[in-house]
N, C-alpha and C. Protein backbone atom coordinates (compact mmCIF):
# COMPACT_ATOMS: atom_id res chain seq x y z
N MET A 1 129.01 -31.69 -71.37
CA MET A 1 127.60 -32.02 -71.31
C MET A 1 126.94 -31.43 -70.07
N TRP A 2 127.57 -31.53 -68.91
CA TRP A 2 126.99 -31.05 -67.66
C TRP A 2 127.40 -29.62 -67.34
N GLU A 3 128.07 -28.97 -68.25
CA GLU A 3 128.53 -27.60 -68.01
C GLU A 3 127.37 -26.66 -67.77
N HIS A 4 126.28 -26.86 -68.45
CA HIS A 4 125.09 -26.00 -68.28
C HIS A 4 124.59 -26.05 -66.84
N TRP A 5 124.52 -27.23 -66.24
CA TRP A 5 124.04 -27.37 -64.87
C TRP A 5 125.04 -26.77 -63.88
N ASP A 6 126.32 -26.90 -64.18
CA ASP A 6 127.32 -26.31 -63.30
C ASP A 6 127.23 -24.80 -63.30
N GLU A 7 126.84 -24.24 -64.42
CA GLU A 7 126.75 -22.78 -64.55
C GLU A 7 125.66 -22.20 -63.65
N TYR A 8 124.51 -22.82 -63.61
CA TYR A 8 123.40 -22.31 -62.82
C TYR A 8 123.34 -22.92 -61.44
N GLY A 9 123.84 -24.09 -61.28
CA GLY A 9 123.83 -24.75 -59.99
C GLY A 9 122.51 -25.46 -59.73
N ILE A 10 122.52 -26.38 -58.79
CA ILE A 10 121.33 -27.14 -58.44
C ILE A 10 120.30 -26.23 -57.76
N GLY A 11 120.75 -25.27 -56.96
CA GLY A 11 119.84 -24.38 -56.24
C GLY A 11 118.93 -23.59 -57.16
N TRP A 12 119.43 -23.16 -58.28
CA TRP A 12 118.63 -22.40 -59.22
C TRP A 12 117.49 -23.24 -59.77
N GLY A 13 117.78 -24.47 -60.14
CA GLY A 13 116.75 -25.36 -60.67
C GLY A 13 115.69 -25.66 -59.63
N THR A 14 116.11 -25.88 -58.39
CA THR A 14 115.17 -26.15 -57.30
C THR A 14 114.31 -24.92 -57.03
N SER A 15 114.94 -23.75 -57.07
CA SER A 15 114.19 -22.51 -56.83
C SER A 15 113.14 -22.29 -57.91
N MET A 16 113.48 -22.55 -59.16
CA MET A 16 112.52 -22.38 -60.24
C MET A 16 111.38 -23.38 -60.13
N LEU A 17 111.70 -24.61 -59.76
CA LEU A 17 110.67 -25.61 -59.57
C LEU A 17 109.71 -25.21 -58.45
N LEU A 18 110.28 -24.75 -57.36
CA LEU A 18 109.45 -24.30 -56.23
C LEU A 18 108.59 -23.11 -56.63
N PHE A 19 109.15 -22.18 -57.38
CA PHE A 19 108.40 -21.02 -57.86
C PHE A 19 107.19 -21.46 -58.68
N TRP A 20 107.39 -22.37 -59.63
CA TRP A 20 106.30 -22.81 -60.49
C TRP A 20 105.25 -23.61 -59.73
N VAL A 21 105.69 -24.43 -58.80
CA VAL A 21 104.74 -25.20 -57.99
C VAL A 21 103.88 -24.25 -57.16
N LEU A 22 104.50 -23.26 -56.54
CA LEU A 22 103.74 -22.30 -55.73
C LEU A 22 102.81 -21.45 -56.58
N LEU A 23 103.27 -21.06 -57.76
CA LEU A 23 102.42 -20.26 -58.66
C LEU A 23 101.20 -21.06 -59.11
N ILE A 24 101.40 -22.29 -59.49
CA ILE A 24 100.28 -23.14 -59.92
C ILE A 24 99.32 -23.39 -58.76
N ALA A 25 99.86 -23.65 -57.57
CA ALA A 25 99.01 -23.87 -56.40
C ALA A 25 98.19 -22.62 -56.09
N ALA A 26 98.79 -21.44 -56.20
CA ALA A 26 98.07 -20.19 -55.95
C ALA A 26 96.95 -19.99 -56.97
N ILE A 27 97.21 -20.30 -58.22
CA ILE A 27 96.19 -20.15 -59.26
C ILE A 27 95.04 -21.12 -59.01
N VAL A 28 95.35 -22.35 -58.63
CA VAL A 28 94.30 -23.34 -58.36
C VAL A 28 93.46 -22.90 -57.17
N MET A 29 94.10 -22.44 -56.10
CA MET A 29 93.36 -22.00 -54.91
C MET A 29 92.49 -20.80 -55.22
N LEU A 30 93.01 -19.84 -55.97
CA LEU A 30 92.23 -18.66 -56.35
C LEU A 30 91.04 -19.07 -57.23
N SER A 31 91.27 -19.99 -58.15
CA SER A 31 90.18 -20.45 -59.01
C SER A 31 89.08 -21.13 -58.20
N LYS A 32 89.47 -21.97 -57.24
CA LYS A 32 88.48 -22.64 -56.39
C LYS A 32 87.70 -21.63 -55.58
N PHE A 33 88.38 -20.62 -55.04
CA PHE A 33 87.71 -19.60 -54.25
C PHE A 33 86.70 -18.83 -55.10
N ILE A 34 87.11 -18.43 -56.28
CA ILE A 34 86.22 -17.66 -57.16
C ILE A 34 85.04 -18.53 -57.60
N TRP A 35 85.31 -19.79 -57.94
CA TRP A 35 84.24 -20.67 -58.42
C TRP A 35 83.21 -20.96 -57.34
N SER A 36 83.66 -21.09 -56.08
CA SER A 36 82.73 -21.41 -55.00
C SER A 36 82.10 -20.17 -54.37
N SER A 37 82.51 -19.02 -54.80
CA SER A 37 82.00 -17.77 -54.22
C SER A 37 80.53 -17.58 -54.61
N SER A 38 79.73 -17.26 -53.63
CA SER A 38 78.29 -17.04 -53.90
C SER A 38 78.08 -15.79 -54.72
N ILE A 39 78.97 -14.84 -54.63
CA ILE A 39 78.86 -13.61 -55.41
C ILE A 39 79.07 -13.94 -56.90
N PHE A 40 80.08 -14.79 -57.17
CA PHE A 40 80.39 -15.14 -58.55
C PHE A 40 79.27 -15.95 -59.19
N LEU A 41 78.72 -16.90 -58.44
CA LEU A 41 77.70 -17.78 -59.00
C LEU A 41 76.29 -17.25 -58.83
N GLY A 42 76.12 -16.26 -57.97
CA GLY A 42 74.80 -15.72 -57.72
C GLY A 42 73.92 -16.68 -56.96
N ARG A 43 74.52 -17.58 -56.20
CA ARG A 43 73.76 -18.56 -55.43
C ARG A 43 73.47 -18.04 -54.04
N ASN A 44 72.42 -18.57 -53.48
CA ASN A 44 72.09 -18.30 -52.09
C ASN A 44 72.36 -19.58 -51.32
N PHE A 45 73.33 -19.54 -50.42
CA PHE A 45 73.75 -20.74 -49.72
C PHE A 45 73.03 -20.93 -48.38
N GLU A 46 71.99 -20.17 -48.13
CA GLU A 46 71.25 -20.35 -46.89
C GLU A 46 70.46 -21.65 -46.98
N LYS A 47 70.40 -22.36 -45.88
CA LYS A 47 69.68 -23.62 -45.85
C LYS A 47 68.18 -23.35 -45.73
N SER A 48 67.42 -24.19 -46.39
CA SER A 48 65.97 -24.09 -46.28
C SER A 48 65.53 -24.74 -44.97
N ALA A 49 64.31 -24.47 -44.59
CA ALA A 49 63.77 -25.06 -43.36
C ALA A 49 63.73 -26.59 -43.48
N LEU A 50 63.43 -27.08 -44.66
CA LEU A 50 63.38 -28.53 -44.86
C LEU A 50 64.78 -29.15 -44.73
N ASP A 51 65.79 -28.45 -45.23
CA ASP A 51 67.17 -28.94 -45.09
C ASP A 51 67.56 -29.04 -43.62
N ILE A 52 67.22 -28.04 -42.84
CA ILE A 52 67.53 -28.04 -41.41
C ILE A 52 66.77 -29.16 -40.71
N LEU A 53 65.51 -29.36 -41.09
CA LEU A 53 64.71 -30.43 -40.50
C LEU A 53 65.32 -31.80 -40.82
N LYS A 54 65.77 -31.99 -42.05
CA LYS A 54 66.41 -33.25 -42.43
C LYS A 54 67.69 -33.49 -41.64
N GLU A 55 68.45 -32.43 -41.42
CA GLU A 55 69.68 -32.57 -40.64
C GLU A 55 69.38 -32.95 -39.19
N ARG A 56 68.36 -32.33 -38.62
CA ARG A 56 67.99 -32.65 -37.24
C ARG A 56 67.54 -34.10 -37.12
N TYR A 57 66.80 -34.58 -38.12
CA TYR A 57 66.35 -35.97 -38.12
C TYR A 57 67.55 -36.92 -38.28
N ALA A 58 68.47 -36.55 -39.16
CA ALA A 58 69.65 -37.39 -39.38
C ALA A 58 70.52 -37.48 -38.13
N ARG A 59 70.58 -36.40 -37.36
CA ARG A 59 71.38 -36.42 -36.13
C ARG A 59 70.67 -37.12 -34.99
N GLY A 60 69.39 -37.44 -35.18
CA GLY A 60 68.64 -38.13 -34.14
C GLY A 60 68.03 -37.20 -33.12
N GLU A 61 67.95 -35.92 -33.43
CA GLU A 61 67.37 -34.95 -32.50
C GLU A 61 65.85 -35.07 -32.43
N ILE A 62 65.23 -35.54 -33.52
CA ILE A 62 63.78 -35.71 -33.55
C ILE A 62 63.46 -37.11 -34.06
N GLU A 63 62.30 -37.60 -33.67
CA GLU A 63 61.84 -38.94 -34.09
C GLU A 63 61.14 -38.83 -35.45
N SER A 64 60.87 -39.99 -36.03
CA SER A 64 60.27 -40.02 -37.37
C SER A 64 58.87 -39.41 -37.38
N GLU A 65 58.09 -39.60 -36.31
CA GLU A 65 56.74 -39.02 -36.27
C GLU A 65 56.82 -37.50 -36.26
N GLU A 66 57.72 -36.97 -35.44
CA GLU A 66 57.86 -35.52 -35.37
C GLU A 66 58.39 -34.97 -36.70
N PHE A 67 59.31 -35.71 -37.31
CA PHE A 67 59.85 -35.30 -38.61
C PHE A 67 58.73 -35.23 -39.65
N ALA A 68 57.91 -36.28 -39.69
CA ALA A 68 56.82 -36.32 -40.67
C ALA A 68 55.83 -35.18 -40.45
N GLN A 69 55.50 -34.91 -39.19
CA GLN A 69 54.56 -33.84 -38.88
C GLN A 69 55.12 -32.48 -39.29
N LYS A 70 56.35 -32.22 -38.93
CA LYS A 70 56.96 -30.93 -39.26
C LYS A 70 57.14 -30.78 -40.78
N LYS A 71 57.41 -31.88 -41.45
CA LYS A 71 57.53 -31.84 -42.91
C LYS A 71 56.21 -31.47 -43.54
N ARG A 72 55.12 -32.06 -43.02
CA ARG A 72 53.78 -31.70 -43.52
C ARG A 72 53.47 -30.23 -43.24
N ASP A 73 53.86 -29.77 -42.05
CA ASP A 73 53.62 -28.37 -41.69
C ASP A 73 54.36 -27.41 -42.63
N LEU A 74 55.55 -27.79 -43.03
CA LEU A 74 56.32 -26.94 -43.92
C LEU A 74 55.72 -26.88 -45.32
N ARG A 75 55.12 -27.96 -45.74
CA ARG A 75 54.52 -28.00 -47.09
C ARG A 75 53.21 -27.24 -47.16
N ASP A 76 52.56 -27.05 -46.03
CA ASP A 76 51.27 -26.33 -46.03
C ASP A 76 51.42 -24.85 -46.15
C-alpha cells in the first residue's frame, strides 16, 4: 500500500506542493498587479484638489472655516 510513497519519497511530494503553492501565489500577485495597473484600467490616479483639501482637513492642518472657504473657491 505505501510502496508508491516509498518510491518517490517524502521530499518529492513536498517539492511538488511547494512548486504549486509558489506558482499559484505568483499568478495571484501578477493578476493583482495587472488589475490595479492604471495602464490596464485606463484610470488616472492623480488626486484632485478637493481630495487633497479633504486630506489636509482630516489631518488637522486646516480649520473648518478655511476648509469651507477653500472648498467654495474650488467650486467657483
